[in-house]
Amino acid sequence: MNTTMKNFLMVFIMLLSGLVHAQLQYMQLGEIVTDSARIFTTSETAQLKEKLTTFETETSNQLVVVTIEQLGFETIESYANGLFNQNRLGQEGKDNGLLILFSEQDRQVRIEVGYGLEPYITDAVASRIIRNTMIPKFKEENYYKGISTATDQLIDFLNNPEALAEFREEIESIETKNQWIGYVVLSLFLSVFLGVGGFYFYKSYKSLIETFRGLLIGKIGVLPAIFMILGMALSSLFGLLFILGPVIAGLTVFEAVYLPYEETFDRPLLLLWFLVPLFGIALLIAFIKIKYFGKDTFKLSLLKNDKSYFRKTFSSSGSHSFGSSGSSSGSSSSFSGGGGSSGGGGSSGSW
């Protein structure tokens, strides 16, 4: 490596290190409300600061609002967590900080929750506040109303355990309802697979039986029959997978039975044993049809095929292919974090 290339690499590494270092530096908050995106009026900022300062004075819980123009190369989750921890929001030993981070150009918002408040403002609670309180107002570009109402809810929940409990019960009720709706939709979806798989398995397996029957009465040669049987067996297995797939998925979701997936797929040769009953039952049915329900006699042909038998037996079965169709504020109030930290609890949303 020549000297020019070495110098280029050194400069590139220094620039890259500087970029990473710069990205890890977040603004030093001096106010409980920092409106860098300038989405609030002066009076709105003052009202918000007064409310949040009173809340902190009375409870020691610290609720901070920060607006920025854009996130840059970071996700809102990493930016909020870095901003929260660098400014040590909340009180040391209590970790009772909350951060509402609003990014105007990215159209994203996040509620970041300190460790000490995570048992109360859970991810589900934060998510519902964002979705039902903030996002509808943000879509109307009423940013102050969305953020102010969200702070009212957070303050109420932390001051009124009964209101928080009622809110969480409502969330659980909705989640339970949505879960059952999901089960119904899943059941309908899996039913389609069962129907398609059942039809495809029936057609393929019927052809497999007729192939065995043609082989046993000498209408299909032994060597051609071998290839036909293997092809139709694979088609039947494919259809069987469409049937068993939804059944296995349903049993797994509802944890009804233990299914040894790993043990089976660690020994793939075990799967070949499925061919034994598949072939055996088809051969038995073909034998019974010849012996008790037909007029043909048993005989074998090595290579010769009866073309008329082929046309009569397999043309009505259809092809064995399978497809699908688709269609900043100027206030003089002071602020500083007390030493709390966040582990990433909270929720994000976009509009």
Protein backbone atom coordinates (compact mmCIF):
# COMPACT_ATOMS: atom_id res chain seq x y z
CA MET A 1 0.00 0.00 0.00
CA ASN A 2 1.53 3.33 -1.07
CA THR A 3 1.81 6.45 1.11
CA THR A 4 -1.04 8.28 -0.65
CA MET A 5 -3.46 5.43 -0.04
CA LYS A 6 -2.43 5.19 3.64
CA ASN A 7 -2.99 8.94 4.12
CA PHE A 8 -6.38 8.69 2.42
CA LEU A 9 -7.46 5.85 4.71
CA MET A 10 -6.29 7.71 7.81
CA VAL A 11 -8.23 10.84 6.83
CA PHE A 12 -11.31 8.75 6.02
CA ILE A 13 -11.19 6.97 9.39
CA MET A 14 -10.77 10.29 11.22
CA LEU A 15 -13.74 11.80 9.39
CA LEU A 16 -15.85 8.72 10.06
CA SER A 17 -14.92 8.76 13.76
CA GLY A 18 -15.76 12.44 13.94
CA LEU A 19 -19.13 11.84 12.31
CA VAL A 20 -20.02 9.04 14.73
CA HIS A 21 -18.84 11.14 17.67
CA ALA A 22 -20.90 14.08 16.47
CA GLN A 23 -23.99 11.93 16.12
CA LEU A 24 -23.64 10.80 19.72
CA GLN A 25 -23.75 14.38 20.98
CA TYR A 26 -27.21 15.68 21.80
CA MET A 27 -28.41 19.15 22.73
CA GLN A 28 -27.94 20.23 26.31
CA LEU A 29 -31.40 20.99 27.60
CA GLY A 30 -31.79 24.18 29.65
CA GLU A 31 -35.57 24.33 29.67
CA ILE A 32 -38.35 21.93 30.56
CA VAL A 33 -39.81 22.82 27.14
CA THR A 34 -37.36 23.21 24.24
CA ASP A 35 -39.14 24.21 21.04
CA SER A 36 -36.32 24.01 18.48
CA ALA A 37 -38.82 23.35 15.67
CA ARG A 38 -40.75 26.55 16.58
CA ILE A 39 -44.16 24.91 16.45
CA PHE A 40 -45.51 26.72 19.55
CA THR A 41 -46.41 30.35 20.06
CA THR A 42 -44.80 32.26 22.93
CA SER A 43 -47.93 31.96 25.07
CA GLU A 44 -48.27 28.24 24.32
CA THR A 45 -44.68 27.62 25.38
CA ALA A 46 -45.20 29.59 28.58
CA GLN A 47 -48.38 27.66 29.46
CA LEU A 48 -46.71 24.33 28.83
CA LYS A 49 -43.66 25.27 30.92
CA GLU A 50 -45.82 26.42 33.81
CA LYS A 51 -47.82 23.19 33.82
CA LEU A 52 -44.78 20.90 33.65
CA THR A 53 -42.82 22.89 36.24
CA THR A 54 -45.74 22.70 38.68
CA PHE A 55 -46.00 18.96 38.08
CA GLU A 56 -42.30 18.46 38.83
CA THR A 57 -42.44 20.66 41.95
CA GLU A 58 -45.41 18.77 43.37
CA THR A 59 -44.36 15.21 42.51
CA SER A 60 -40.62 15.29 41.65
CA ASN A 61 -41.55 13.51 38.40
CA GLN A 62 -39.98 15.34 35.47
CA LEU A 63 -41.88 15.60 32.18
CA VAL A 64 -39.87 17.27 29.42
CA VAL A 65 -40.99 18.33 25.94
CA VAL A 66 -38.50 18.73 23.09
CA THR A 67 -39.29 19.56 19.47
CA ILE A 68 -36.70 19.34 16.70
CA GLU A 69 -36.83 19.95 12.96
CA GLN A 70 -35.40 16.57 11.91
CA LEU A 71 -33.63 13.50 13.25
CA GLY A 72 -30.85 13.26 10.68
CA PHE A 73 -29.46 9.74 10.38
CA GLU A 74 -30.89 8.42 13.66
CA THR A 75 -34.15 6.73 14.46
CA ILE A 76 -36.44 8.55 16.84
CA GLU A 77 -35.98 5.73 19.36
CA SER A 78 -32.18 6.09 19.52
CA TYR A 79 -32.35 9.91 19.45
CA ALA A 80 -34.88 10.05 22.30
CA ASN A 81 -32.92 7.55 24.38
CA GLY A 82 -29.62 9.39 23.82
CA LEU A 83 -31.16 12.80 24.57
CA PHE A 84 -32.85 11.42 27.69
CA ASN A 85 -29.74 9.76 29.12
CA GLN A 86 -27.28 12.52 28.21
CA ASN A 87 -29.45 15.08 30.04
CA ARG A 88 -30.14 12.62 32.86
CA LEU A 89 -33.85 13.38 33.01
CA GLY A 90 -35.69 12.60 36.22
CA GLN A 91 -34.26 12.33 39.73
CA GLU A 92 -31.21 10.28 40.62
CA GLY A 93 -32.23 7.09 42.33
CA LYS A 94 -35.83 7.44 41.14
CA ASP A 95 -35.35 7.49 37.35
CA ASN A 96 -38.71 9.25 37.19
CA GLY A 97 -38.27 11.17 33.96
CA LEU A 98 -40.50 11.38 30.90
CA LEU A 99 -39.62 12.84 27.52
CA ILE A 100 -41.91 13.77 24.65
CA LEU A 101 -39.76 14.14 21.53
CA PHE A 102 -41.38 15.64 18.41
CA SER A 103 -39.64 15.69 15.02
CA GLU A 104 -41.45 17.97 12.57
CA GLN A 105 -39.97 17.03 9.19
CA ASP A 106 -39.83 13.33 10.01
CA ARG A 107 -43.46 13.48 11.20
CA GLN A 108 -42.62 11.28 14.17
CA VAL A 109 -43.15 11.54 17.90
CA ARG A 110 -42.00 9.44 20.85
CA ILE A 111 -42.72 9.19 24.56
CA GLU A 112 -39.54 8.02 26.30
CA VAL A 113 -40.02 6.66 29.81
CA GLY A 114 -37.48 6.44 32.64
CA TYR A 115 -36.93 3.17 34.47
CA GLY A 116 -38.82 4.33 37.57
CA LEU A 117 -42.02 5.16 35.67
CA GLU A 118 -42.11 2.16 33.32
CA PRO A 119 -44.44 0.19 35.67
CA TYR A 120 -47.01 3.00 35.29
CA ILE A 121 -46.50 4.45 31.81
CA THR A 122 -46.09 1.16 30.02
CA ASP A 123 -45.35 0.83 26.33
CA ALA A 124 -49.04 0.09 25.72
CA VAL A 125 -50.14 3.21 27.62
CA ALA A 126 -47.64 5.41 25.78
CA SER A 127 -48.61 3.91 22.44
CA ARG A 128 -52.31 4.54 23.00
CA ILE A 129 -51.71 8.16 24.05
CA ILE A 130 -49.71 8.69 20.86
CA ARG A 131 -52.24 6.99 18.58
CA ASN A 132 -55.47 8.34 20.09
CA THR A 133 -54.45 11.74 21.49
CA MET A 134 -51.45 13.05 19.59
CA ILE A 135 -51.61 11.70 16.05
CA PRO A 136 -55.17 12.93 15.28
CA LYS A 137 -54.21 16.50 16.29
CA PHE A 138 -50.88 16.31 14.45
CA LYS A 139 -52.73 15.38 11.24
CA GLU A 140 -54.64 18.66 11.64
CA GLU A 141 -51.27 20.42 12.25
CA ASN A 142 -52.49 21.33 15.75
CA TYR A 143 -49.20 20.29 17.33
CA TYR A 144 -49.60 22.22 20.58
CA LYS A 145 -53.03 20.72 21.30
CA GLY A 146 -51.76 17.20 20.68
CA ILE A 147 -48.71 17.56 22.91
CA SER A 148 -50.46 19.56 25.65
CA THR A 149 -53.33 17.05 25.89
CA ALA A 150 -50.84 14.19 26.03
CA THR A 151 -49.01 15.87 28.94
CA ASP A 152 -52.38 16.29 30.70
CA GLN A 153 -53.01 12.57 30.37
CA LEU A 154 -49.54 11.59 31.60
CA ILE A 155 -49.85 13.93 34.59
CA ASP A 156 -53.32 12.61 35.41
CA PHE A 157 -52.23 8.98 35.20
CA LEU A 158 -49.25 9.54 37.50
CA ASN A 159 -51.33 11.53 40.00
CA ASN A 160 -54.46 9.37 39.84
CA PRO A 161 -53.83 5.60 40.06
CA GLU A 162 -57.54 4.86 39.56
CA ALA A 163 -57.60 6.71 36.22
CA LEU A 164 -54.48 4.85 35.12
CA ALA A 165 -55.96 1.49 36.13
CA GLU A 166 -59.16 2.23 34.20
CA PHE A 167 -57.15 3.28 31.14
CA ARG A 168 -55.06 0.10 31.26
CA GLU A 169 -58.20 -2.06 31.64
CA GLU A 170 -59.62 -0.38 28.54
CA ILE A 171 -56.40 -1.15 26.64
CA GLU A 172 -56.47 -4.79 27.73
CA SER A 173 -60.12 -5.10 26.69
CA ILE A 174 -59.40 -3.70 23.23
CA GLU A 175 -56.31 -5.89 22.85
CA THR A 176 -58.34 -8.98 23.78
CA LYS A 177 -61.00 -8.05 21.25
CA ASN A 178 -58.39 -7.44 18.56
CA GLN A 179 -56.77 -10.74 19.42
CA TRP A 180 -59.99 -12.64 18.82
CA ILE A 181 -60.57 -10.74 15.58
CA GLY A 182 -57.07 -11.79 14.59
CA TYR A 183 -57.90 -15.41 15.36
CA VAL A 184 -61.02 -15.25 13.18
CA VAL A 185 -59.12 -13.69 10.27
CA LEU A 186 -56.34 -16.25 10.69
CA SER A 187 -58.87 -19.08 10.73
CA LEU A 188 -60.46 -17.86 7.51
CA PHE A 189 -57.06 -17.48 5.90
CA LEU A 190 -56.00 -20.97 6.94
CA SER A 191 -59.32 -22.37 5.74
CA VAL A 192 -58.43 -21.26 2.24
CA PHE A 193 -55.22 -23.27 2.46
CA LEU A 194 -57.17 -26.26 3.76
CA GLY A 195 -59.65 -26.04 0.90
CA VAL A 196 -57.03 -25.61 -1.82
CA GLY A 197 -54.77 -28.25 -0.30
CA GLY A 198 -57.63 -30.71 0.09
CA PHE A 199 -58.77 -30.31 -3.51
CA TYR A 200 -55.22 -30.56 -4.88
CA PHE A 201 -54.43 -33.59 -2.72
CA TYR A 202 -57.64 -35.32 -3.83
CA LYS A 203 -56.90 -34.80 -7.54
CA SER A 204 -53.25 -35.86 -7.24
CA TYR A 205 -53.95 -38.86 -5.05
CA LYS A 206 -56.75 -40.03 -7.30
CA SER A 207 -54.31 -39.97 -10.23
CA LEU A 208 -51.77 -41.86 -8.14
CA ILE A 209 -54.32 -44.60 -7.44
CA GLU A 210 -55.22 -44.83 -11.13
CA THR A 211 -51.53 -45.07 -12.01
CA PHE A 212 -51.13 -48.03 -9.67
CA ARG A 213 -54.29 -49.55 -11.15
CA GLY A 214 -53.00 -49.09 -14.71
CA LEU A 215 -49.68 -50.64 -13.71
CA LEU A 216 -51.36 -53.70 -12.16
CA ILE A 217 -53.54 -54.41 -15.21
CA GLY A 218 -50.77 -53.85 -17.77
CA LYS A 219 -52.13 -50.59 -19.22
CA ILE A 220 -49.07 -48.62 -18.06
CA GLY A 221 -45.53 -49.97 -18.40
CA VAL A 222 -43.48 -50.57 -15.28
CA LEU A 223 -40.73 -48.08 -16.13
CA PRO A 224 -43.06 -45.21 -17.18
CA ALA A 225 -45.21 -45.93 -14.13
CA ILE A 226 -42.25 -45.47 -11.78
CA PHE A 227 -41.73 -41.88 -12.96
CA MET A 228 -45.46 -41.18 -12.93
CA ILE A 229 -45.85 -42.55 -9.40
CA LEU A 230 -42.95 -40.47 -8.08
CA GLY A 231 -44.29 -37.30 -9.71
CA MET A 232 -47.84 -37.84 -8.46
CA ALA A 233 -46.57 -38.77 -4.99
CA LEU A 234 -44.71 -35.46 -4.80
CA SER A 235 -47.85 -33.64 -5.98
CA SER A 236 -49.89 -35.43 -3.32
CA LEU A 237 -47.33 -34.53 -0.65
CA PHE A 238 -47.47 -30.91 -1.80
CA GLY A 239 -51.24 -30.88 -1.38
CA LEU A 240 -50.89 -32.64 1.98
CA LEU A 241 -48.56 -29.88 3.16
CA PHE A 242 -51.25 -27.32 2.32
CA ILE A 243 -53.60 -29.29 4.56
CA LEU A 244 -51.20 -29.99 7.42
CA GLY A 245 -49.60 -26.50 7.37
CA PRO A 246 -52.69 -24.65 8.69
CA VAL A 247 -53.41 -27.43 11.18
CA ILE A 248 -49.86 -27.30 12.56
CA ALA A 249 -49.93 -23.49 12.60
CA GLY A 250 -53.21 -23.48 14.52
CA LEU A 251 -52.00 -26.03 17.06
CA THR A 252 -48.80 -24.03 17.52
CA VAL A 253 -50.61 -20.71 18.01
CA PHE A 254 -52.99 -22.17 20.57
CA GLU A 255 -50.21 -24.33 22.08
CA ALA A 256 -52.58 -27.29 22.00
CA VAL A 257 -49.98 -30.00 21.49
CA TYR A 258 -46.23 -30.42 21.46
CA LEU A 259 -44.90 -30.99 17.96
CA PRO A 260 -41.29 -32.23 17.63
CA TYR A 261 -40.26 -29.97 14.71
CA GLU A 262 -36.57 -29.84 15.57
CA GLU A 263 -36.23 -33.56 16.18
CA THR A 264 -37.91 -34.31 12.86
CA PHE A 265 -35.96 -31.87 10.71
CA ASP A 266 -32.67 -32.80 12.37
CA ARG A 267 -33.27 -36.27 10.87
CA PRO A 268 -34.71 -35.50 7.41
CA LEU A 269 -34.71 -39.17 6.33
CA LEU A 270 -37.60 -39.68 8.74
CA LEU A 271 -39.73 -37.59 6.39
CA LEU A 272 -39.32 -40.26 3.69
CA TRP A 273 -41.39 -42.63 5.83
CA PHE A 274 -44.42 -40.54 4.90
CA LEU A 275 -44.12 -42.06 1.43
CA VAL A 276 -44.69 -45.59 2.77
CA PRO A 277 -48.32 -45.12 3.85
CA LEU A 278 -48.89 -42.79 0.88
CA PHE A 279 -47.84 -45.48 -1.58
CA GLY A 280 -49.26 -48.33 0.47
CA ILE A 281 -52.80 -46.98 0.77
CA ALA A 282 -52.92 -45.98 -2.91
CA LEU A 283 -51.71 -49.44 -3.96
CA LEU A 284 -54.25 -51.13 -1.68
CA ILE A 285 -57.14 -49.08 -3.09
CA ALA A 286 -56.02 -49.87 -6.64
CA PHE A 287 -55.85 -53.59 -5.77
CA ILE A 288 -59.36 -53.57 -4.28
CA LYS A 289 -60.78 -51.77 -7.31
CA ILE A 290 -59.33 -54.40 -9.65
CA LYS A 291 -60.14 -57.39 -7.49
CA TYR A 292 -63.70 -56.58 -6.44
CA PHE A 293 -65.05 -53.76 -8.62
CA GLY A 294 -63.52 -54.22 -12.05
CA LYS A 295 -63.41 -56.67 -14.90
CA ASP A 296 -59.67 -56.38 -15.62
CA THR A 297 -57.14 -59.04 -14.70
CA PHE A 298 -53.74 -58.62 -13.13
CA LYS A 299 -50.77 -58.44 -15.49
CA LEU A 300 -47.66 -56.35 -15.99
CA SER A 301 -46.07 -54.63 -18.97
CA LEU A 302 -42.46 -53.47 -18.87
CA LEU A 303 -42.63 -50.54 -21.32
CA LYS A 304 -45.86 -50.62 -23.29
CA ASN A 305 -48.57 -48.04 -22.52
CA ASP A 306 -52.18 -48.17 -23.62
CA LYS A 307 -52.84 -44.74 -25.18
CA SER A 308 -56.61 -45.08 -25.06
CA TYR A 309 -56.38 -45.87 -21.32
CA PHE A 310 -54.30 -42.75 -20.85
CA ARG A 311 -56.83 -40.56 -22.66
CA LYS A 312 -59.79 -42.05 -20.84
CA THR A 313 -58.25 -42.12 -17.36
CA PHE A 314 -56.04 -39.05 -17.08
CA SER A 315 -57.45 -36.46 -19.47
CA SER A 316 -60.39 -35.76 -17.14
CA SER A 317 -58.11 -35.45 -14.14
CA GLY A 318 -56.70 -32.17 -15.39
CA SER A 319 -53.11 -31.07 -15.21
CA HIS A 320 -51.27 -31.38 -11.97
CA SER A 321 -49.89 -27.86 -11.84
CA PHE A 322 -50.94 -25.48 -9.11
CA GLY A 323 -51.13 -21.71 -9.31
CA SER A 324 -52.82 -18.73 -7.75
CA SER A 325 -54.23 -15.53 -9.17
CA GLY A 326 -53.75 -12.14 -7.74
CA SER A 327 -55.07 -9.45 -8.46
CA SER A 328 -36.80 27.50 21.18
CA SER A 329 -38.28 29.48 23.56
CA GLY A 330 -36.97 32.70 25.07
CA SER A 331 -38.18 32.04 28.64
CA SER A 332 -35.80 32.67 31.48
CA SER A 333 -36.88 29.66 33.58
CA SER A 334 -34.06 27.25 34.41
CA PHE A 335 -34.06 23.50 34.06
CA SER A 336 -31.75 20.56 34.61
CA GLY A 337 -32.06 16.82 34.89
CA GLY A 338 -31.59 15.23 38.26
CA GLY A 339 -29.74 12.12 37.18
CA GLY A 340 -32.36 9.66 35.94
CA SER A 341 -32.01 7.27 33.03
CA SER A 342 -34.09 5.40 30.52
CA GLY A 343 -33.67 1.91 29.14
CA GLY A 344 -35.69 2.55 26.02
CA GLY A 345 -39.19 2.09 27.42
CA GLY A 346 -41.99 4.00 25.75
CA SER A 347 -43.53 4.17 22.35
CA SER A 348 -43.24 5.95 19.00
CA GLY A 349 -45.68 6.99 16.32
CA SER A 350 -45.82 8.71 12.94
CA TRP A 351 -48.48 10.53 10.95
